[in-house]
Amino acid sequence: MGWWQVNADTLVRSRFVVCPFTETFATLRLLHTGTAAHPGEEAWLRTHLPGYRAHLAADPVTALLVRSAMGTSWIADFLAPLPRDGTPLEETLARIRATDPAEARANVRVSLRGPLPAALERDDLPERAAALLAYVWTRTVRPYWDRRRRILEADVVARTAQVSRGGWAAVIDSLTPGQTRWLGDNRLQVNRHERPPREISGAELVFVPVTPGRGWATWEEPRRYAIVYGCTGALADPGARSVPASLGTLLGTARARVLVLLDSPLSTSQLVAVTGQGLGSVGRHLRVLLDAGLVERRRAGRSVLYARTAAGEVLVEASGAGTGDSLSGVSIRS
């Protein structure tokens, strides 16, 4: 397994970052694999995968570059630079274009663990990579970015609250189950690959959420490191939650949807993000549910989190939530 040695100062100064470029690269990986993690992702792929594949079919060199640079266990460094907080996507693409061609070719050889295909022995690999990422952003991410950004920001709120409740160990264990783990003795597991440990005490460490589910670890030696992770739970696939017709009839479909989603604590902003309802509507639903004793609220740091009470649990279970019609129109990928 790969792990990093950290100290208390590194964790105290670490932070969560929402980054449009990292979201774009995660989307490129999803298009590259073509494998959905849940129904919402399947619907998104049905919409965008044909166009992406047609785009690459018209440009065989770039198609070969993507297959080679993604590698098997190592992404070519120049293709996915470490995110910088607040940096416009265009600046990151400019960094990729400015990569020395010899460095880009060397990065791809590392990803392939072998020689470079003859068709990639050329100097325009950085430009081709930047152009493809610009295509992915323009065609498949930017049309949904406002909604995705709300999802990502909501995830950051939840993780920050989790830090205040259970400390960093609980957060790290939950980022990418099976990959990230707090090992004790100030050791942070970042993946399951056999890599030499890295001493990063005192370095900058950021955690970056993405809506496509797979994450990765990245760094710029010697002082900047990042763990990219996929949103989980209701934020990952709210379409998996269902509202039984009986519960919708009793409470109203929109209000019942809020109650069903609260099987784990969520903030108002998270509920707005995953339901697509307005802030005022979500607030009214929560007030009614609070007055009825079906949900409760508690403060976690600067956020207020809502969760079902025992009475709310009984009502949801009695109505058979999870077996009725799926939540219509609720998908972070659509």
C-alpha atoms as a PDB file:
ATOM      1  CA  MET A   1       0.000   0.000   0.000  1.00  0.00           C
ATOM      2  CA  GLY A   2       1.056   3.608  -0.500  1.00  0.00           C
ATOM      3  CA  TRP A   3       1.137   5.804   2.594  1.00  0.00           C
ATOM      4  CA  TRP A   4       2.288   9.243   3.691  1.00  0.00           C
ATOM      5  CA  GLN A   5       3.838  10.219   6.999  1.00  0.00           C
ATOM      6  CA  VAL A   6       2.205  13.368   8.337  1.00  0.00           C
ATOM      7  CA  ASN A   7       2.255  15.363  11.547  1.00  0.00           C
ATOM      8  CA  ALA A   8      -0.374  17.300  13.493  1.00  0.00           C
ATOM      9  CA  ASP A   9       0.595  20.566  11.831  1.00  0.00           C
ATOM     10  CA  THR A  10      -0.014  19.110   8.368  1.00  0.00           C
ATOM     11  CA  LEU A  11      -3.521  17.970   9.296  1.00  0.00           C
ATOM     12  CA  VAL A  12      -4.415  21.181  11.109  1.00  0.00           C
ATOM     13  CA  ARG A  13      -3.486  23.245   8.051  1.00  0.00           C
ATOM     14  CA  SER A  14      -5.062  20.884   5.525  1.00  0.00           C
ATOM     15  CA  ARG A  15      -8.267  21.981   3.812  1.00  0.00           C
ATOM     16  CA  PHE A  16     -10.939  20.956   1.325  1.00  0.00           C
ATOM     17  CA  VAL A  17     -10.824  22.460  -2.167  1.00  0.00           C
ATOM     18  CA  VAL A  18     -13.471  22.517  -4.917  1.00  0.00           C
ATOM     19  CA  CYS A  19     -11.696  22.566  -8.278  1.00  0.00           C
ATOM     20  CA  PRO A  20     -13.289  22.704 -11.765  1.00  0.00           C
ATOM     21  CA  PHE A  21     -10.176  21.255 -13.405  1.00  0.00           C
ATOM     22  CA  THR A  22     -10.076  18.245 -11.086  1.00  0.00           C
ATOM     23  CA  GLU A  23     -13.778  17.670 -11.756  1.00  0.00           C
ATOM     24  CA  THR A  24     -12.990  17.812 -15.474  1.00  0.00           C
ATOM     25  CA  PHE A  25     -10.157  15.310 -15.208  1.00  0.00           C
ATOM     26  CA  ALA A  26     -12.315  12.972 -13.092  1.00  0.00           C
ATOM     27  CA  THR A  27     -14.953  13.222 -15.822  1.00  0.00           C
ATOM     28  CA  LEU A  28     -12.347  12.349 -18.456  1.00  0.00           C
ATOM     29  CA  ARG A  29     -11.479   9.231 -16.439  1.00  0.00           C
ATOM     30  CA  LEU A  30     -15.156   8.272 -16.301  1.00  0.00           C
ATOM     31  CA  LEU A  31     -15.489   8.702 -20.062  1.00  0.00           C
ATOM     32  CA  HIS A  32     -12.277   6.743 -20.554  1.00  0.00           C
ATOM     33  CA  THR A  33     -13.473   3.745 -18.546  1.00  0.00           C
ATOM     34  CA  GLY A  34     -17.107   4.045 -19.642  1.00  0.00           C
ATOM     35  CA  THR A  35     -18.143   2.251 -16.451  1.00  0.00           C
ATOM     36  CA  ALA A  36     -20.875   3.776 -14.281  1.00  0.00           C
ATOM     37  CA  ALA A  37     -20.950   3.505 -10.510  1.00  0.00           C
ATOM     38  CA  HIS A  38     -24.712   4.019 -10.169  1.00  0.00           C
ATOM     39  CA  PRO A  39     -27.842   4.733 -12.244  1.00  0.00           C
ATOM     40  CA  GLY A  40     -27.284   8.495 -12.309  1.00  0.00           C
ATOM     41  CA  GLU A  41     -23.875   7.967 -13.841  1.00  0.00           C
ATOM     42  CA  GLU A  42     -25.296   5.492 -16.352  1.00  0.00           C
ATOM     43  CA  ALA A  43     -27.751   8.106 -17.594  1.00  0.00           C
ATOM     44  CA  TRP A  44     -24.984  10.679 -17.897  1.00  0.00           C
ATOM     45  CA  LEU A  45     -22.793   8.242 -19.866  1.00  0.00           C
ATOM     46  CA  ARG A  46     -25.635   7.423 -22.249  1.00  0.00           C
ATOM     47  CA  THR A  47     -25.821  11.116 -23.054  1.00  0.00           C
ATOM     48  CA  HIS A  48     -22.115  11.907 -23.412  1.00  0.00           C
ATOM     49  CA  LEU A  49     -20.134   8.748 -24.141  1.00  0.00           C
ATOM     50  CA  PRO A  50     -21.120   8.468 -27.837  1.00  0.00           C
ATOM     51  CA  GLY A  51     -19.944  12.012 -28.548  1.00  0.00           C
ATOM     52  CA  TYR A  52     -16.679  11.495 -26.657  1.00  0.00           C
ATOM     53  CA  ARG A  53     -15.917   8.283 -28.523  1.00  0.00           C
ATOM     54  CA  ALA A  54     -16.723   9.914 -31.848  1.00  0.00           C
ATOM     55  CA  HIS A  55     -14.389  12.786 -30.944  1.00  0.00           C
ATOM     56  CA  LEU A  56     -11.523  10.361 -30.294  1.00  0.00           C
ATOM     57  CA  ALA A  57     -12.311   8.244 -33.347  1.00  0.00           C
ATOM     58  CA  ALA A  58     -11.668  11.347 -35.450  1.00  0.00           C
ATOM     59  CA  ASP A  59      -8.296  11.884 -33.722  1.00  0.00           C
ATOM     60  CA  PRO A  60      -6.474   8.528 -33.342  1.00  0.00           C
ATOM     61  CA  VAL A  61      -3.293  10.111 -31.956  1.00  0.00           C
ATOM     62  CA  THR A  62      -5.153  11.756 -29.067  1.00  0.00           C
ATOM     63  CA  ALA A  63      -7.083   8.525 -28.478  1.00  0.00           C
ATOM     64  CA  LEU A  64      -3.779   6.645 -28.170  1.00  0.00           C
ATOM     65  CA  LEU A  65      -2.402   9.355 -25.905  1.00  0.00           C
ATOM     66  CA  VAL A  66      -5.340   9.026 -23.491  1.00  0.00           C
ATOM     67  CA  ARG A  67      -5.102   5.236 -23.364  1.00  0.00           C
ATOM     68  CA  SER A  68      -1.373   5.423 -22.748  1.00  0.00           C
ATOM     69  CA  ALA A  69      -1.337   8.344 -20.296  1.00  0.00           C
ATOM     70  CA  MET A  70      -4.024   6.810 -18.068  1.00  0.00           C
ATOM     71  CA  GLY A  71      -1.796   3.759 -17.576  1.00  0.00           C
ATOM     72  CA  THR A  72      -2.723   0.896 -15.288  1.00  0.00           C
ATOM     73  CA  SER A  73      -1.813   2.282 -11.875  1.00  0.00           C
ATOM     74  CA  TRP A  74      -0.095   5.593 -12.663  1.00  0.00           C
ATOM     75  CA  ILE A  75      -1.518   8.633 -14.441  1.00  0.00           C
ATOM     76  CA  ALA A  76       0.936  10.648 -16.534  1.00  0.00           C
ATOM     77  CA  ASP A  77       1.907  13.565 -14.294  1.00  0.00           C
ATOM     78  CA  PHE A  78       1.505  16.330 -16.878  1.00  0.00           C
ATOM     79  CA  LEU A  79      -2.078  15.253 -17.640  1.00  0.00           C
ATOM     80  CA  ALA A  80      -3.399  15.875 -14.108  1.00  0.00           C
ATOM     81  CA  PRO A  81      -1.513  18.675 -12.325  1.00  0.00           C
ATOM     82  CA  LEU A  82      -2.237  19.153  -8.646  1.00  0.00           C
ATOM     83  CA  PRO A  83      -5.215  21.488  -8.137  1.00  0.00           C
ATOM     84  CA  ARG A  84      -4.566  24.992  -6.886  1.00  0.00           C
ATOM     85  CA  ASP A  85      -7.289  26.650  -4.834  1.00  0.00           C
ATOM     86  CA  GLY A  86      -9.094  29.326  -6.829  1.00  0.00           C
ATOM     87  CA  THR A  87      -7.114  28.810 -10.038  1.00  0.00           C
ATOM     88  CA  PRO A  88      -9.278  29.221 -13.157  1.00  0.00           C
ATOM     89  CA  LEU A  89      -9.480  26.124 -15.314  1.00  0.00           C
ATOM     90  CA  GLU A  90      -7.939  28.019 -18.231  1.00  0.00           C
ATOM     91  CA  GLU A  91      -4.757  28.609 -16.221  1.00  0.00           C
ATOM     92  CA  THR A  92      -4.422  24.907 -15.479  1.00  0.00           C
ATOM     93  CA  LEU A  93      -4.900  24.075 -19.145  1.00  0.00           C
ATOM     94  CA  ALA A  94      -2.200  26.620 -19.961  1.00  0.00           C
ATOM     95  CA  ARG A  95       0.133  24.827 -17.522  1.00  0.00           C
ATOM     96  CA  ILE A  96      -0.496  21.571 -19.373  1.00  0.00           C
ATOM     97  CA  ARG A  97       0.160  23.194 -22.765  1.00  0.00           C
ATOM     98  CA  ALA A  98       3.426  24.634 -21.423  1.00  0.00           C
ATOM     99  CA  THR A  99       4.759  21.201 -20.414  1.00  0.00           C
ATOM    100  CA  ASP A 100       8.087  20.387 -22.038  1.00  0.00           C
ATOM    101  CA  PRO A 101       7.334  17.799 -24.770  1.00  0.00           C
ATOM    102  CA  ALA A 102      10.220  15.584 -23.628  1.00  0.00           C
ATOM    103  CA  GLU A 103       8.823  15.613 -20.084  1.00  0.00           C
ATOM    104  CA  ALA A 104       5.364  14.704 -21.362  1.00  0.00           C
ATOM    105  CA  ARG A 105       6.743  11.753 -23.306  1.00  0.00           C
ATOM    106  CA  ALA A 106       8.711  10.615 -20.256  1.00  0.00           C
ATOM    107  CA  ASN A 107       5.547  10.807 -18.123  1.00  0.00           C
ATOM    108  CA  VAL A 108       3.672   8.602 -20.576  1.00  0.00           C
ATOM    109  CA  ARG A 109       6.489   6.036 -20.561  1.00  0.00           C
ATOM    110  CA  VAL A 110       6.130   5.819 -16.780  1.00  0.00           C
ATOM    111  CA  SER A 111       2.366   5.288 -17.135  1.00  0.00           C
ATOM    112  CA  LEU A 112       2.946   2.543 -19.702  1.00  0.00           C
ATOM    113  CA  ARG A 113       5.832   1.008 -17.779  1.00  0.00           C
ATOM    114  CA  GLY A 114       7.545   0.569 -21.113  1.00  0.00           C
ATOM    115  CA  PRO A 115       8.457   2.185 -24.424  1.00  0.00           C
ATOM    116  CA  LEU A 116       6.395   4.902 -26.032  1.00  0.00           C
ATOM    117  CA  PRO A 117       4.339   3.916 -29.100  1.00  0.00           C
ATOM    118  CA  ALA A 118       5.903   5.322 -32.258  1.00  0.00           C
ATOM    119  CA  ALA A 119       2.809   7.423 -32.972  1.00  0.00           C
ATOM    120  CA  LEU A 120       3.412   9.345 -29.707  1.00  0.00           C
ATOM    121  CA  GLU A 121       7.015  10.256 -30.455  1.00  0.00           C
ATOM    122  CA  ARG A 122       6.015  13.840 -31.168  1.00  0.00           C
ATOM    123  CA  ASP A 123       6.108  17.280 -29.547  1.00  0.00           C
ATOM    124  CA  ASP A 124       2.412  18.159 -29.491  1.00  0.00           C
ATOM    125  CA  LEU A 125       1.299  15.787 -26.720  1.00  0.00           C
ATOM    126  CA  PRO A 126       0.759  18.606 -24.158  1.00  0.00           C
ATOM    127  CA  GLU A 127      -1.344  20.603 -26.643  1.00  0.00           C
ATOM    128  CA  ARG A 128      -3.417  17.532 -27.529  1.00  0.00           C
ATOM    129  CA  ALA A 129      -4.020  16.722 -23.854  1.00  0.00           C
ATOM    130  CA  ALA A 130      -5.093  20.294 -23.058  1.00  0.00           C
ATOM    131  CA  ALA A 131      -7.402  20.375 -26.091  1.00  0.00           C
ATOM    132  CA  LEU A 132      -9.107  17.139 -25.042  1.00  0.00           C
ATOM    133  CA  LEU A 133      -9.597  18.363 -21.470  1.00  0.00           C
ATOM    134  CA  ALA A 134     -11.037  21.610 -22.839  1.00  0.00           C
ATOM    135  CA  TYR A 135     -13.472  19.530 -24.921  1.00  0.00           C
ATOM    136  CA  VAL A 136     -14.510  17.487 -21.854  1.00  0.00           C
ATOM    137  CA  TRP A 137     -15.053  20.658 -19.828  1.00  0.00           C
ATOM    138  CA  THR A 138     -17.008  22.482 -22.541  1.00  0.00           C
ATOM    139  CA  ARG A 139     -19.226  19.608 -23.662  1.00  0.00           C
ATOM    140  CA  THR A 140     -19.716  17.462 -20.563  1.00  0.00           C
ATOM    141  CA  VAL A 141     -18.958  19.434 -17.386  1.00  0.00           C
ATOM    142  CA  ARG A 142     -19.666  23.132 -17.869  1.00  0.00           C
ATOM    143  CA  PRO A 143     -23.372  22.643 -18.741  1.00  0.00           C
ATOM    144  CA  TYR A 144     -23.846  21.070 -15.284  1.00  0.00           C
ATOM    145  CA  TRP A 145     -21.152  22.917 -13.341  1.00  0.00           C
ATOM    146  CA  ASP A 146     -23.443  25.073 -11.179  1.00  0.00           C
ATOM    147  CA  ARG A 147     -25.232  21.978  -9.906  1.00  0.00           C
ATOM    148  CA  ARG A 148     -22.033  19.954  -9.542  1.00  0.00           C
ATOM    149  CA  ARG A 149     -20.400  22.799  -7.642  1.00  0.00           C
ATOM    150  CA  ARG A 150     -23.289  22.843  -5.149  1.00  0.00           C
ATOM    151  CA  ILE A 151     -22.909  19.083  -4.696  1.00  0.00           C
ATOM    152  CA  LEU A 152     -19.173  19.421  -4.080  1.00  0.00           C
ATOM    153  CA  GLU A 153     -19.593  22.327  -1.677  1.00  0.00           C
ATOM    154  CA  ALA A 154     -22.242  20.374   0.204  1.00  0.00           C
ATOM    155  CA  ASP A 155     -19.847  17.447   0.506  1.00  0.00           C
ATOM    156  CA  VAL A 156     -17.199  19.772   1.947  1.00  0.00           C
ATOM    157  CA  VAL A 157     -19.710  20.968   4.548  1.00  0.00           C
ATOM    158  CA  ALA A 158     -20.424  17.358   5.544  1.00  0.00           C
ATOM    159  CA  ARG A 159     -16.732  16.409   5.751  1.00  0.00           C
ATOM    160  CA  THR A 160     -15.881  19.501   7.783  1.00  0.00           C
ATOM    161  CA  ALA A 161     -18.663  18.650  10.225  1.00  0.00           C
ATOM    162  CA  GLN A 162     -17.337  15.095  10.402  1.00  0.00           C
ATOM    163  CA  VAL A 163     -13.910  16.416  11.371  1.00  0.00           C
ATOM    164  CA  SER A 164     -15.448  18.328  14.268  1.00  0.00           C
ATOM    165  CA  ARG A 165     -17.396  15.255  15.431  1.00  0.00           C
ATOM    166  CA  GLY A 166     -14.939  12.397  14.949  1.00  0.00           C
ATOM    167  CA  GLY A 167     -11.571  13.873  14.023  1.00  0.00           C
ATOM    168  CA  TRP A 168      -9.495  13.429  10.902  1.00  0.00           C
ATOM    169  CA  ALA A 169      -9.147   9.653  11.262  1.00  0.00           C
ATOM    170  CA  ALA A 170     -12.890   9.137  10.716  1.00  0.00           C
ATOM    171  CA  VAL A 171     -12.900  11.461   7.707  1.00  0.00           C
ATOM    172  CA  ILE A 172      -9.876   9.838   6.052  1.00  0.00           C
ATOM    173  CA  ASP A 173     -11.314   6.339   6.529  1.00  0.00           C
ATOM    174  CA  SER A 174     -14.512   7.398   4.768  1.00  0.00           C
ATOM    175  CA  LEU A 175     -13.056   9.305   1.802  1.00  0.00           C
ATOM    176  CA  THR A 176     -12.392   6.311  -0.444  1.00  0.00           C
ATOM    177  CA  PRO A 177     -13.219   3.107   1.474  1.00  0.00           C
ATOM    178  CA  GLY A 178     -10.607   0.446   0.845  1.00  0.00           C
ATOM    179  CA  GLN A 179      -8.130   3.033  -0.437  1.00  0.00           C
ATOM    180  CA  THR A 180      -7.686   5.822   2.110  1.00  0.00           C
ATOM    181  CA  ARG A 181      -7.203   4.869   5.742  1.00  0.00           C
ATOM    182  CA  TRP A 182      -5.731   6.290   8.925  1.00  0.00           C
ATOM    183  CA  LEU A 183      -3.093   3.732   9.956  1.00  0.00           C
ATOM    184  CA  GLY A 184      -2.082   5.290  13.261  1.00  0.00           C
ATOM    185  CA  ASP A 185       1.361   6.608  14.183  1.00  0.00           C
ATOM    186  CA  ASN A 186       0.707   9.620  11.932  1.00  0.00           C
ATOM    187  CA  ARG A 187       0.491   7.425   8.822  1.00  0.00           C
ATOM    188  CA  LEU A 188      -2.069   8.137   6.100  1.00  0.00           C
ATOM    189  CA  GLN A 189      -2.771   5.386   3.554  1.00  0.00           C
ATOM    190  CA  VAL A 190      -3.561   6.979   0.181  1.00  0.00           C
ATOM    191  CA  ASN A 191      -4.012   3.906  -2.051  1.00  0.00           C
ATOM    192  CA  ARG A 192      -3.449   0.154  -2.214  1.00  0.00           C
ATOM    193  CA  HIS A 193      -0.476   0.269  -4.587  1.00  0.00           C
ATOM    194  CA  GLU A 194       2.921  -0.814  -3.355  1.00  0.00           C
ATOM    195  CA  ARG A 195       4.781   2.506  -3.223  1.00  0.00           C
ATOM    196  CA  PRO A 196       7.601   3.776  -0.998  1.00  0.00           C
ATOM    197  CA  PRO A 197       6.252   5.838   1.924  1.00  0.00           C
ATOM    198  CA  ARG A 198       6.527   9.616   1.683  1.00  0.00           C
ATOM    199  CA  GLU A 199       7.382  12.023   4.481  1.00  0.00           C
ATOM    200  CA  ILE A 200       5.094  15.027   4.005  1.00  0.00           C
ATOM    201  CA  SER A 201       5.123  16.531   7.504  1.00  0.00           C
ATOM    202  CA  GLY A 202       4.771  20.292   7.213  1.00  0.00           C
ATOM    203  CA  ALA A 203       3.688  20.134   3.563  1.00  0.00           C
ATOM    204  CA  GLU A 204       0.464  21.529   2.106  1.00  0.00           C
ATOM    205  CA  LEU A 205      -2.252  18.858   2.031  1.00  0.00           C
ATOM    206  CA  VAL A 206      -5.627  19.343   0.351  1.00  0.00           C
ATOM    207  CA  PHE A 207      -8.663  17.102  -0.075  1.00  0.00           C
ATOM    208  CA  VAL A 208     -10.587  17.548  -3.324  1.00  0.00           C
ATOM    209  CA  PRO A 209     -14.093  16.088  -3.902  1.00  0.00           C
ATOM    210  CA  VAL A 210     -15.302  15.082  -7.375  1.00  0.00           C
ATOM    211  CA  THR A 211     -18.705  13.830  -8.470  1.00  0.00           C
ATOM    212  CA  PRO A 212     -17.443  10.842 -10.543  1.00  0.00           C
ATOM    213  CA  GLY A 213     -16.762   8.235  -7.899  1.00  0.00           C
ATOM    214  CA  ARG A 214     -13.103   7.258  -8.360  1.00  0.00           C
ATOM    215  CA  GLY A 215     -10.331   9.145  -6.585  1.00  0.00           C
ATOM    216  CA  TRP A 216      -6.563   9.314  -6.701  1.00  0.00           C
ATOM    217  CA  ALA A 217      -3.540  10.744  -4.886  1.00  0.00           C
ATOM    218  CA  THR A 218      -1.328  13.367  -6.480  1.00  0.00           C
ATOM    219  CA  TRP A 219       1.561  15.627  -5.506  1.00  0.00           C
ATOM    220  CA  GLU A 220       4.092  18.202  -6.609  1.00  0.00           C
ATOM    221  CA  GLU A 221       7.274  17.515  -4.744  1.00  0.00           C
ATOM    222  CA  PRO A 222       8.320  18.516  -2.262  1.00  0.00           C
ATOM    223  CA  ARG A 223       5.621  20.592  -0.582  1.00  0.00           C
ATOM    224  CA  ARG A 224       2.157  20.076  -2.153  1.00  0.00           C
ATOM    225  CA  TYR A 225       0.003  16.945  -1.868  1.00  0.00           C
ATOM    226  CA  ALA A 226      -3.653  16.158  -2.580  1.00  0.00           C
ATOM    227  CA  ILE A 227      -6.145  13.348  -2.136  1.00  0.00           C
ATOM    228  CA  VAL A 228      -8.993  13.417  -4.649  1.00  0.00           C
ATOM    229  CA  TYR A 229     -12.087  11.498  -3.558  1.00  0.00           C
ATOM    230  CA  GLY A 230     -15.592  10.822  -4.831  1.00  0.00           C
ATOM    231  CA  CYS A 231     -18.713  12.151  -3.122  1.00  0.00           C
ATOM    232  CA  THR A 232     -20.573   9.423  -1.269  1.00  0.00           C
ATOM    233  CA  GLY A 233     -23.951   8.660   0.214  1.00  0.00           C
ATOM    234  CA  ALA A 234     -26.942  10.753  -0.788  1.00  0.00           C
ATOM    235  CA  LEU A 235     -24.649  13.205  -2.562  1.00  0.00           C
ATOM    236  CA  ALA A 236     -23.258  10.472  -4.802  1.00  0.00           C
ATOM    237  CA  ASP A 237     -26.531   9.078  -6.084  1.00  0.00           C
ATOM    238  CA  PRO A 238     -29.670  10.685  -4.692  1.00  0.00           C
ATOM    239  CA  GLY A 239     -31.581   8.911  -7.444  1.00  0.00           C
ATOM    240  CA  ALA A 240     -31.092   5.680  -5.512  1.00  0.00           C
ATOM    241  CA  ARG A 241     -33.479   6.974  -2.821  1.00  0.00           C
ATOM    242  CA  SER A 242     -37.165   6.382  -3.491  1.00  0.00           C
ATOM    243  CA  VAL A 243     -40.380   8.018  -2.311  1.00  0.00           C
ATOM    244  CA  PRO A 244     -43.236   5.545  -1.890  1.00  0.00           C
ATOM    245  CA  ALA A 245     -46.555   6.778  -3.239  1.00  0.00           C
ATOM    246  CA  SER A 246     -48.179   6.461   0.204  1.00  0.00           C
ATOM    247  CA  LEU A 247     -45.564   8.698   1.843  1.00  0.00           C
ATOM    248  CA  GLY A 248     -45.830  11.194  -0.977  1.00  0.00           C
ATOM    249  CA  THR A 249     -49.592  11.327  -0.582  1.00  0.00           C
ATOM    250  CA  LEU A 250     -49.273  11.888   3.173  1.00  0.00           C
ATOM    251  CA  LEU A 251     -46.577  14.553   3.172  1.00  0.00           C
ATOM    252  CA  GLY A 252     -46.389  15.757  -0.409  1.00  0.00           C
ATOM    253  CA  THR A 253     -43.769  14.368  -2.774  1.00  0.00           C
ATOM    254  CA  ALA A 254     -41.216  17.144  -2.312  1.00  0.00           C
ATOM    255  CA  ARG A 255     -41.427  17.063   1.497  1.00  0.00           C
ATOM    256  CA  ALA A 256     -41.354  13.254   1.557  1.00  0.00           C
ATOM    257  CA  ARG A 257     -38.226  13.347  -0.610  1.00  0.00           C
ATOM    258  CA  VAL A 258     -36.467  15.483   2.010  1.00  0.00           C
ATOM    259  CA  LEU A 259     -37.481  13.083   4.798  1.00  0.00           C
ATOM    260  CA  VAL A 260     -36.295  10.023   2.856  1.00  0.00           C
ATOM    261  CA  LEU A 261     -32.904  11.604   2.176  1.00  0.00           C
ATOM    262  CA  LEU A 262     -32.315  12.290   5.875  1.00  0.00           C
ATOM    263  CA  ASP A 263     -31.272   8.737   6.736  1.00  0.00           C
ATOM    264  CA  SER A 264     -27.901  10.398   7.384  1.00  0.00           C
ATOM    265  CA  PRO A 265     -27.395  13.984   8.613  1.00  0.00           C
ATOM    266  CA  LEU A 266     -27.467  16.633   5.872  1.00  0.00           C
ATOM    267  CA  SER A 267     -27.335  20.401   5.893  1.00  0.00           C
ATOM    268  CA  THR A 268     -29.845  22.660   4.178  1.00  0.00           C
ATOM    269  CA  SER A 269     -27.342  23.410   1.403  1.00  0.00           C
ATOM    270  CA  GLN A 270     -26.801  19.700   0.836  1.00  0.00           C
ATOM    271  CA  LEU A 271     -30.544  19.096   0.572  1.00  0.00           C
ATOM    272  CA  VAL A 272     -30.840  21.945  -1.918  1.00  0.00           C
ATOM    273  CA  ALA A 273     -28.025  20.399  -3.947  1.00  0.00           C
ATOM    274  CA  VAL A 274     -29.332  16.843  -4.074  1.00  0.00           C
ATOM    275  CA  THR A 275     -33.047  17.606  -4.486  1.00  0.00           C
ATOM    276  CA  GLY A 276     -32.797  20.513  -6.894  1.00  0.00           C
ATOM    277  CA  GLN A 277     -35.419  22.347  -4.806  1.00  0.00           C
ATOM    278  CA  GLY A 278     -34.945  25.994  -3.897  1.00  0.00           C
ATOM    279  CA  LEU A 279     -33.537  27.070  -0.544  1.00  0.00           C
ATOM    280  CA  GLY A 280     -36.872  28.529   0.547  1.00  0.00           C
ATOM    281  CA  SER A 281     -38.758  25.346  -0.329  1.00  0.00           C
ATOM    282  CA  VAL A 282     -36.297  23.115   1.525  1.00  0.00           C
ATOM    283  CA  GLY A 283     -36.435  25.426   4.544  1.00  0.00           C
ATOM    284  CA  ARG A 284     -40.253  25.259   4.646  1.00  0.00           C
ATOM    285  CA  HIS A 285     -40.224  21.466   4.379  1.00  0.00           C
ATOM    286  CA  LEU A 286     -37.709  21.213   7.225  1.00  0.00           C
ATOM    287  CA  ARG A 287     -39.783  23.506   9.462  1.00  0.00           C
ATOM    288  CA  VAL A 288     -42.880  21.359   8.929  1.00  0.00           C
ATOM    289  CA  LEU A 289     -40.923  18.150   9.579  1.00  0.00           C
ATOM    290  CA  LEU A 290     -39.339  19.653  12.703  1.00  0.00           C
ATOM    291  CA  ASP A 291     -42.717  20.771  14.055  1.00  0.00           C
ATOM    292  CA  ALA A 292     -44.087  17.268  13.418  1.00  0.00           C
ATOM    293  CA  GLY A 293     -41.191  15.686  15.332  1.00  0.00           C
ATOM    294  CA  LEU A 294     -40.038  13.733  12.274  1.00  0.00           C
ATOM    295  CA  VAL A 295     -36.588  15.335  12.060  1.00  0.00           C
ATOM    296  CA  GLU A 296     -34.185  16.936  14.491  1.00  0.00           C
ATOM    297  CA  ARG A 297     -31.338  19.361  14.040  1.00  0.00           C
ATOM    298  CA  ARG A 298     -27.964  19.873  15.652  1.00  0.00           C
ATOM    299  CA  ARG A 299     -25.057  22.218  15.075  1.00  0.00           C
ATOM    300  CA  ALA A 300     -21.739  20.891  13.760  1.00  0.00           C
ATOM    301  CA  GLY A 301     -19.185  23.687  13.640  1.00  0.00           C
ATOM    302  CA  ARG A 302     -20.729  26.436  11.519  1.00  0.00           C
ATOM    303  CA  SER A 303     -23.274  24.113   9.917  1.00  0.00           C
ATOM    304  CA  VAL A 304     -26.693  22.922  11.078  1.00  0.00           C
ATOM    305  CA  LEU A 305     -27.372  19.274  10.210  1.00  0.00           C
ATOM    306  CA  TYR A 306     -30.798  17.631  10.005  1.00  0.00           C
ATOM    307  CA  ALA A 307     -31.584  13.934  10.527  1.00  0.00           C
ATOM    308  CA  ARG A 308     -34.668  11.781  11.021  1.00  0.00           C
ATOM    309  CA  THR A 309     -35.922  11.173  14.543  1.00  0.00           C
ATOM    310  CA  ALA A 310     -37.103   7.767  15.745  1.00  0.00           C
ATOM    311  CA  ALA A 311     -40.625   8.795  14.733  1.00  0.00           C
ATOM    312  CA  GLY A 312     -39.386   9.766  11.283  1.00  0.00           C
ATOM    313  CA  GLU A 313     -37.634   6.406  10.944  1.00  0.00           C
ATOM    314  CA  VAL A 314     -40.825   4.543  11.836  1.00  0.00           C
ATOM    315  CA  LEU A 315     -42.846   6.527   9.295  1.00  0.00           C
ATOM    316  CA  VAL A 316     -40.321   5.964   6.470  1.00  0.00           C
ATOM    317  CA  GLU A 317     -39.920   2.266   7.219  1.00  0.00           C
ATOM    318  CA  ALA A 318     -43.666   1.730   7.507  1.00  0.00           C
ATOM    319  CA  SER A 319     -44.190   3.314   4.094  1.00  0.00           C
ATOM    320  CA  GLY A 320     -41.615   1.009   2.511  1.00  0.00           C
ATOM    321  CA  ALA A 321     -39.129   3.671   1.366  1.00  0.00           C
ATOM    322  CA  GLY A 322     -36.575   2.169  -0.985  1.00  0.00           C
ATOM    323  CA  THR A 323     -39.109  -0.066  -2.718  1.00  0.00           C
ATOM    324  CA  GLY A 324     -41.318   2.497  -4.434  1.00  0.00           C
ATOM    325  CA  ASP A 325     -40.835   4.652  -7.506  1.00  0.00           C
ATOM    326  CA  SER A 326     -37.373   6.111  -7.880  1.00  0.00           C
ATOM    327  CA  LEU A 327     -36.838   9.822  -7.275  1.00  0.00           C
ATOM    328  CA  SER A 328     -37.564  11.494 -10.580  1.00  0.00           C
ATOM    329  CA  GLY A 329     -35.099  14.034 -11.886  1.00  0.00           C
ATOM    330  CA  VAL A 330     -32.635  13.707  -9.014  1.00  0.00           C
ATOM    331  CA  SER A 331     -29.177  12.957 -10.376  1.00  0.00           C
ATOM    332  CA  ILE A 332     -25.943  14.811  -9.964  1.00  0.00           C
ATOM    333  CA  ARG A 333     -24.840  13.700 -13.422  1.00  0.00           C
ATOM    334  CA  SER A 334     -27.858  14.979 -15.340  1.00  0.00           C
END
